[in-house]
Amino acid sequence: IVLFSLLIGLSALLFGKINFKGTLTNNDFIITAILLITPSLLLFDGNVSRAEGITLIGLYIAFFFIMNRKETLLERLRDSLTAAPLKFTKLLLKTAAGIIGLLIFSKIIVETALSFTSLLNISPLIVGLLMLSIGTNLPELTLGFSARNNHKEIALGDFLGSAAANVLLIGVLAFLSPCEVQNIGKMRISLIIL
């Protein structure tokens, strides 16, 4: 919800408009829309099953291969490695450092969010939908501001890629820990808004 309503809306305000031509085809948008709406359809009954998790993981893998059909990721990695191995190694180390930092701070963020739920007597679902969703989309917000002059396509790709990765994460979580949503009314409202 935050990703599409807040971040893409802010980007449109900052950029004046976001030009989709040349970066994604209409079919790419249709495929992305199908992928992004599928979790809402599967979760609407209030149950998150292992089979639904496998379905979401499979859809994400298919999406990944469809979006990379022109030149495979492995070909691009090979070309980058041979063209500038030192630069590629530096980028890989920076990425690893970012992932380590993310793992450390995500635990702190979750513990803080749980403290807010206790302190303010708020449903964990509400805190997750509002507070954590804004926190998890801060990188997209930062990228949106920094890309406003000359890298609008990167910001758009990041927004759509982040939303697609959320589908994969929901699938992995459903596969590892199937569950029933406790507050289905609020979840349905959120899914409809999404």
C-alpha atoms as a PDB file:
ATOM      1  CA  ILE A   1       0.000   0.000   0.000  1.00  0.00           C
ATOM      2  CA  VAL A   2       2.786   2.393   0.982  1.00  0.00           C
ATOM      3  CA  LEU A   3       4.841   1.411  -2.036  1.00  0.00           C
ATOM      4  CA  PHE A   4       2.212   2.215  -4.623  1.00  0.00           C
ATOM      5  CA  SER A   5       0.099   4.914  -3.036  1.00  0.00           C
ATOM      6  CA  LEU A   6       2.783   6.915  -1.232  1.00  0.00           C
ATOM      7  CA  LEU A   7       6.021   6.293  -3.098  1.00  0.00           C
ATOM      8  CA  ILE A   8       4.826   6.200  -6.688  1.00  0.00           C
ATOM      9  CA  GLY A   9       2.473   9.102  -5.943  1.00  0.00           C
ATOM     10  CA  LEU A  10       5.353  11.129  -4.478  1.00  0.00           C
ATOM     11  CA  SER A  11       7.535  10.243  -7.450  1.00  0.00           C
ATOM     12  CA  ALA A  12       4.854  11.446  -9.838  1.00  0.00           C
ATOM     13  CA  LEU A  13       4.636  14.721  -7.916  1.00  0.00           C
ATOM     14  CA  LEU A  14       8.421  15.148  -7.887  1.00  0.00           C
ATOM     15  CA  PHE A  15       9.036  14.120 -11.493  1.00  0.00           C
ATOM     16  CA  GLY A  16       5.983  15.763 -12.998  1.00  0.00           C
ATOM     17  CA  LYS A  17       5.313  12.460 -14.695  1.00  0.00           C
ATOM     18  CA  ILE A  18       6.908   9.061 -14.898  1.00  0.00           C
ATOM     19  CA  ASN A  19       7.668   7.923 -18.431  1.00  0.00           C
ATOM     20  CA  PHE A  20       7.097   4.194 -18.854  1.00  0.00           C
ATOM     21  CA  LYS A  21       7.827   4.095 -22.572  1.00  0.00           C
ATOM     22  CA  GLY A  22      10.960   2.298 -23.621  1.00  0.00           C
ATOM     23  CA  THR A  23      11.499   0.582 -20.284  1.00  0.00           C
ATOM     24  CA  LEU A  24       8.556  -1.799 -20.006  1.00  0.00           C
ATOM     25  CA  THR A  25       6.110  -3.067 -22.594  1.00  0.00           C
ATOM     26  CA  ASN A  26       2.368  -3.342 -22.065  1.00  0.00           C
ATOM     27  CA  ASN A  27       2.808  -7.103 -21.666  1.00  0.00           C
ATOM     28  CA  ASP A  28       5.430  -6.479 -18.967  1.00  0.00           C
ATOM     29  CA  PHE A  29       2.916  -4.338 -17.066  1.00  0.00           C
ATOM     30  CA  ILE A  30       0.191  -6.978 -17.418  1.00  0.00           C
ATOM     31  CA  ILE A  31       2.534  -9.723 -16.171  1.00  0.00           C
ATOM     32  CA  THR A  32       3.647  -7.525 -13.255  1.00  0.00           C
ATOM     33  CA  ALA A  33       0.039  -6.650 -12.365  1.00  0.00           C
ATOM     34  CA  ILE A  34      -0.960 -10.334 -12.353  1.00  0.00           C
ATOM     35  CA  LEU A  35       1.976 -11.164 -10.097  1.00  0.00           C
ATOM     36  CA  LEU A  36       1.216  -8.314  -7.687  1.00  0.00           C
ATOM     37  CA  ILE A  37      -2.513  -9.025  -7.377  1.00  0.00           C
ATOM     38  CA  THR A  38      -2.127 -12.787  -6.829  1.00  0.00           C
ATOM     39  CA  PRO A  39      -1.239 -12.602  -3.083  1.00  0.00           C
ATOM     40  CA  SER A  40      -4.357 -10.499  -2.472  1.00  0.00           C
ATOM     41  CA  LEU A  41      -6.512 -13.092  -4.204  1.00  0.00           C
ATOM     42  CA  LEU A  42      -4.898 -16.019  -2.384  1.00  0.00           C
ATOM     43  CA  LEU A  43      -5.003 -14.356   1.043  1.00  0.00           C
ATOM     44  CA  PHE A  44      -8.593 -13.158   0.761  1.00  0.00           C
ATOM     45  CA  ASP A  45      -9.953 -16.273   2.477  1.00  0.00           C
ATOM     46  CA  GLY A  46      -7.840 -15.586   5.569  1.00  0.00           C
ATOM     47  CA  ASN A  47      -5.716 -18.727   5.280  1.00  0.00           C
ATOM     48  CA  VAL A  48      -2.125 -18.861   4.121  1.00  0.00           C
ATOM     49  CA  SER A  49      -1.382 -22.414   3.064  1.00  0.00           C
ATOM     50  CA  ARG A  50       1.832 -24.135   2.023  1.00  0.00           C
ATOM     51  CA  ALA A  51       0.320 -24.736  -1.448  1.00  0.00           C
ATOM     52  CA  GLU A  52      -0.341 -20.994  -1.791  1.00  0.00           C
ATOM     53  CA  GLY A  53       3.258 -20.342  -0.789  1.00  0.00           C
ATOM     54  CA  ILE A  54       4.506 -22.702  -3.490  1.00  0.00           C
ATOM     55  CA  THR A  55       2.195 -21.001  -6.001  1.00  0.00           C
ATOM     56  CA  LEU A  56       3.589 -17.550  -5.147  1.00  0.00           C
ATOM     57  CA  ILE A  57       7.194 -18.759  -5.289  1.00  0.00           C
ATOM     58  CA  GLY A  58       6.532 -20.385  -8.673  1.00  0.00           C
ATOM     59  CA  LEU A  59       4.881 -17.235 -10.012  1.00  0.00           C
ATOM     60  CA  TYR A  60       7.817 -15.110  -8.890  1.00  0.00           C
ATOM     61  CA  ILE A  61      10.321 -17.466 -10.569  1.00  0.00           C
ATOM     62  CA  ALA A  62       8.265 -17.376 -13.797  1.00  0.00           C
ATOM     63  CA  PHE A  63       8.070 -13.569 -13.543  1.00  0.00           C
ATOM     64  CA  PHE A  64      11.837 -13.356 -13.066  1.00  0.00           C
ATOM     65  CA  PHE A  65      12.551 -15.430 -16.174  1.00  0.00           C
ATOM     66  CA  ILE A  66       9.945 -13.608 -18.278  1.00  0.00           C
ATOM     67  CA  MET A  67      11.323 -10.181 -17.316  1.00  0.00           C
ATOM     68  CA  ASN A  68      14.897 -11.330 -18.055  1.00  0.00           C
ATOM     69  CA  ARG A  69      14.097 -12.970 -21.370  1.00  0.00           C
ATOM     70  CA  LYS A  70      16.130 -10.590 -23.522  1.00  0.00           C
ATOM     71  CA  GLU A  71      19.455 -11.190 -21.830  1.00  0.00           C
ATOM     72  CA  THR A  72      19.790 -13.587 -18.961  1.00  0.00           C
ATOM     73  CA  LEU A  73      21.050 -12.490 -15.593  1.00  0.00           C
ATOM     74  CA  LEU A  74      23.914 -14.964 -15.845  1.00  0.00           C
ATOM     75  CA  GLU A  75      25.039 -13.434 -19.155  1.00  0.00           C
ATOM     76  CA  ARG A  76      25.010  -9.958 -17.615  1.00  0.00           C
ATOM     77  CA  LEU A  77      26.961 -11.164 -14.571  1.00  0.00           C
ATOM     78  CA  ARG A  78      29.536 -12.839 -16.814  1.00  0.00           C
ATOM     79  CA  ASP A  79      29.893  -9.677 -18.932  1.00  0.00           C
ATOM     80  CA  SER A  80      30.273  -7.490 -15.818  1.00  0.00           C
ATOM     81  CA  LEU A  81      32.844  -9.824 -14.310  1.00  0.00           C
ATOM     82  CA  THR A  82      34.995  -9.893 -17.421  1.00  0.00           C
ATOM     83  CA  ALA A  83      34.667  -6.161 -18.171  1.00  0.00           C
ATOM     84  CA  ALA A  84      35.530  -4.801 -14.718  1.00  0.00           C
ATOM     85  CA  PRO A  85      36.289  -7.509 -12.140  1.00  0.00           C
ATOM     86  CA  LEU A  86      37.521  -5.097  -9.436  1.00  0.00           C
ATOM     87  CA  LYS A  87      34.455  -2.862  -9.743  1.00  0.00           C
ATOM     88  CA  PHE A  88      32.174  -5.912  -9.651  1.00  0.00           C
ATOM     89  CA  THR A  89      33.938  -7.219  -6.530  1.00  0.00           C
ATOM     90  CA  LYS A  90      33.534  -3.850  -4.770  1.00  0.00           C
ATOM     91  CA  LEU A  91      29.836  -3.802  -5.613  1.00  0.00           C
ATOM     92  CA  LEU A  92      29.462  -7.350  -4.346  1.00  0.00           C
ATOM     93  CA  LEU A  93      31.167  -6.444  -1.048  1.00  0.00           C
ATOM     94  CA  LYS A  94      28.962  -3.357  -0.633  1.00  0.00           C
ATOM     95  CA  THR A  95      25.893  -5.494  -1.262  1.00  0.00           C
ATOM     96  CA  ALA A  96      27.027  -8.064   1.315  1.00  0.00           C
ATOM     97  CA  ALA A  97      27.666  -5.298   3.870  1.00  0.00           C
ATOM     98  CA  GLY A  98      24.186  -3.888   3.200  1.00  0.00           C
ATOM     99  CA  ILE A  99      22.574  -7.289   3.698  1.00  0.00           C
ATOM    100  CA  ILE A 100      24.438  -7.816   6.973  1.00  0.00           C
ATOM    101  CA  GLY A 101      23.340  -4.373   8.188  1.00  0.00           C
ATOM    102  CA  LEU A 102      19.787  -5.138   7.145  1.00  0.00           C
ATOM    103  CA  LEU A 103      19.770  -8.381   9.111  1.00  0.00           C
ATOM    104  CA  ILE A 104      21.083  -6.656  12.233  1.00  0.00           C
ATOM    105  CA  PHE A 105      18.730  -3.686  12.120  1.00  0.00           C
ATOM    106  CA  SER A 106      15.632  -5.614  11.055  1.00  0.00           C
ATOM    107  CA  LYS A 107      15.623  -7.418  14.406  1.00  0.00           C
ATOM    108  CA  ILE A 108      15.781  -4.055  16.200  1.00  0.00           C
ATOM    109  CA  ILE A 109      12.938  -2.681  14.068  1.00  0.00           C
ATOM    110  CA  VAL A 110      10.691  -5.680  14.723  1.00  0.00           C
ATOM    111  CA  GLU A 111      11.350  -5.521  18.483  1.00  0.00           C
ATOM    112  CA  THR A 112      10.584  -1.786  18.478  1.00  0.00           C
ATOM    113  CA  ALA A 113       7.359  -2.355  16.547  1.00  0.00           C
ATOM    114  CA  LEU A 114       6.281  -5.028  19.029  1.00  0.00           C
ATOM    115  CA  SER A 115       7.002  -2.604  21.876  1.00  0.00           C
ATOM    116  CA  PHE A 116       4.727  -0.045  20.189  1.00  0.00           C
ATOM    117  CA  THR A 117       1.926  -2.602  19.927  1.00  0.00           C
ATOM    118  CA  SER A 118       2.149  -3.289  23.674  1.00  0.00           C
ATOM    119  CA  LEU A 119       2.626   0.306  24.740  1.00  0.00           C
ATOM    120  CA  LEU A 120      -0.157   1.757  22.592  1.00  0.00           C
ATOM    121  CA  ASN A 121      -2.421  -1.320  22.757  1.00  0.00           C
ATOM    122  CA  ILE A 122      -2.596  -1.491  18.958  1.00  0.00           C
ATOM    123  CA  SER A 123      -3.035  -4.592  16.825  1.00  0.00           C
ATOM    124  CA  PRO A 124       0.283  -5.936  15.470  1.00  0.00           C
ATOM    125  CA  LEU A 125      -1.381  -6.087  12.035  1.00  0.00           C
ATOM    126  CA  ILE A 126      -1.996  -2.324  12.071  1.00  0.00           C
ATOM    127  CA  VAL A 127       1.579  -1.601  13.173  1.00  0.00           C
ATOM    128  CA  GLY A 128       2.857  -3.919  10.455  1.00  0.00           C
ATOM    129  CA  LEU A 129       0.686  -2.331   7.791  1.00  0.00           C
ATOM    130  CA  LEU A 130       1.548   1.247   8.679  1.00  0.00           C
ATOM    131  CA  MET A 131       4.790   1.582  10.613  1.00  0.00           C
ATOM    132  CA  LEU A 132       6.780  -1.355   9.266  1.00  0.00           C
ATOM    133  CA  SER A 133       5.602  -0.864   5.694  1.00  0.00           C
ATOM    134  CA  ILE A 134       6.882   2.706   5.720  1.00  0.00           C
ATOM    135  CA  GLY A 135      10.161   1.533   7.237  1.00  0.00           C
ATOM    136  CA  THR A 136      10.657  -1.231   4.714  1.00  0.00           C
ATOM    137  CA  ASN A 137      10.002   1.172   1.860  1.00  0.00           C
ATOM    138  CA  LEU A 138      12.431   3.868   3.021  1.00  0.00           C
ATOM    139  CA  PRO A 139      15.060   2.716   0.482  1.00  0.00           C
ATOM    140  CA  GLU A 140      12.523   3.237  -2.313  1.00  0.00           C
ATOM    141  CA  LEU A 141      11.639   6.667  -0.933  1.00  0.00           C
ATOM    142  CA  THR A 142      15.317   7.608  -0.789  1.00  0.00           C
ATOM    143  CA  LEU A 143      15.898   6.346  -4.309  1.00  0.00           C
ATOM    144  CA  GLY A 144      12.841   8.224  -5.530  1.00  0.00           C
ATOM    145  CA  PHE A 145      14.223  11.514  -4.217  1.00  0.00           C
ATOM    146  CA  SER A 146      17.755  10.912  -5.487  1.00  0.00           C
ATOM    147  CA  ALA A 147      16.596   9.745  -8.926  1.00  0.00           C
ATOM    148  CA  ARG A 148      14.254  12.650  -9.620  1.00  0.00           C
ATOM    149  CA  ASN A 149      16.528  14.378 -12.112  1.00  0.00           C
ATOM    150  CA  ASN A 150      18.068  11.719 -14.288  1.00  0.00           C
ATOM    151  CA  HIS A 151      17.318   8.160 -13.205  1.00  0.00           C
ATOM    152  CA  LYS A 152      13.534   7.898 -13.146  1.00  0.00           C
ATOM    153  CA  GLU A 153      13.561   4.425 -14.747  1.00  0.00           C
ATOM    154  CA  ILE A 154      15.734   3.085 -11.908  1.00  0.00           C
ATOM    155  CA  ALA A 155      13.216   4.325  -9.355  1.00  0.00           C
ATOM    156  CA  LEU A 156      10.313   2.781 -11.271  1.00  0.00           C
ATOM    157  CA  GLY A 157      12.199  -0.500 -11.638  1.00  0.00           C
ATOM    158  CA  ASP A 158      12.973  -0.447  -7.933  1.00  0.00           C
ATOM    159  CA  PHE A 159       9.312   0.162  -7.010  1.00  0.00           C
ATOM    160  CA  LEU A 160       8.069  -2.675  -9.211  1.00  0.00           C
ATOM    161  CA  GLY A 161      10.949  -4.982  -8.255  1.00  0.00           C
ATOM    162  CA  SER A 162      10.362  -4.367  -4.563  1.00  0.00           C
ATOM    163  CA  ALA A 163       6.668  -5.147  -4.917  1.00  0.00           C
ATOM    164  CA  ALA A 164       7.505  -8.313  -6.881  1.00  0.00           C
ATOM    165  CA  ALA A 165      10.035  -9.390  -4.233  1.00  0.00           C
ATOM    166  CA  ASN A 166       7.301  -8.993  -1.607  1.00  0.00           C
ATOM    167  CA  VAL A 167       5.347 -11.669  -3.479  1.00  0.00           C
ATOM    168  CA  LEU A 168       8.341 -13.992  -3.184  1.00  0.00           C
ATOM    169  CA  LEU A 169       8.677 -13.212   0.530  1.00  0.00           C
ATOM    170  CA  ILE A 170       4.995 -13.897   1.185  1.00  0.00           C
ATOM    171  CA  GLY A 171       5.399 -17.177  -0.691  1.00  0.00           C
ATOM    172  CA  VAL A 172       8.446 -18.229   1.328  1.00  0.00           C
ATOM    173  CA  LEU A 173       6.752 -17.289   4.613  1.00  0.00           C
ATOM    174  CA  ALA A 174       3.595 -19.183   3.639  1.00  0.00           C
ATOM    175  CA  PHE A 175       5.650 -22.228   2.674  1.00  0.00           C
ATOM    176  CA  LEU A 176       7.677 -22.202   5.897  1.00  0.00           C
ATOM    177  CA  SER A 177       4.861 -21.299   8.262  1.00  0.00           C
ATOM    178  CA  PRO A 178       1.291 -21.686   6.957  1.00  0.00           C
ATOM    179  CA  CYS A 179      -1.174 -19.840   9.154  1.00  0.00           C
ATOM    180  CA  GLU A 180      -4.586 -18.301   9.537  1.00  0.00           C
ATOM    181  CA  VAL A 181      -4.914 -14.529   9.634  1.00  0.00           C
ATOM    182  CA  GLN A 182      -6.374 -13.545  12.999  1.00  0.00           C
ATOM    183  CA  ASN A 183      -8.037 -10.280  12.018  1.00  0.00           C
ATOM    184  CA  ILE A 184      -9.453 -11.120   8.592  1.00  0.00           C
ATOM    185  CA  GLY A 185     -11.653  -7.991   8.398  1.00  0.00           C
ATOM    186  CA  LYS A 186      -8.727  -5.586   8.569  1.00  0.00           C
ATOM    187  CA  MET A 187      -6.690  -7.821   6.261  1.00  0.00           C
ATOM    188  CA  ARG A 188      -9.426  -7.810   3.633  1.00  0.00           C
ATOM    189  CA  ILE A 189      -9.674  -4.017   3.757  1.00  0.00           C
ATOM    190  CA  SER A 190      -5.905  -3.791   3.284  1.00  0.00           C
ATOM    191  CA  LEU A 191      -5.968  -6.236   0.379  1.00  0.00           C
ATOM    192  CA  ILE A 192      -8.780  -4.319  -1.310  1.00  0.00           C
ATOM    193  CA  ILE A 193      -6.881  -1.040  -0.917  1.00  0.00           C
ATOM    194  CA  LEU A 194      -3.753  -2.674  -2.286  1.00  0.00           C
END
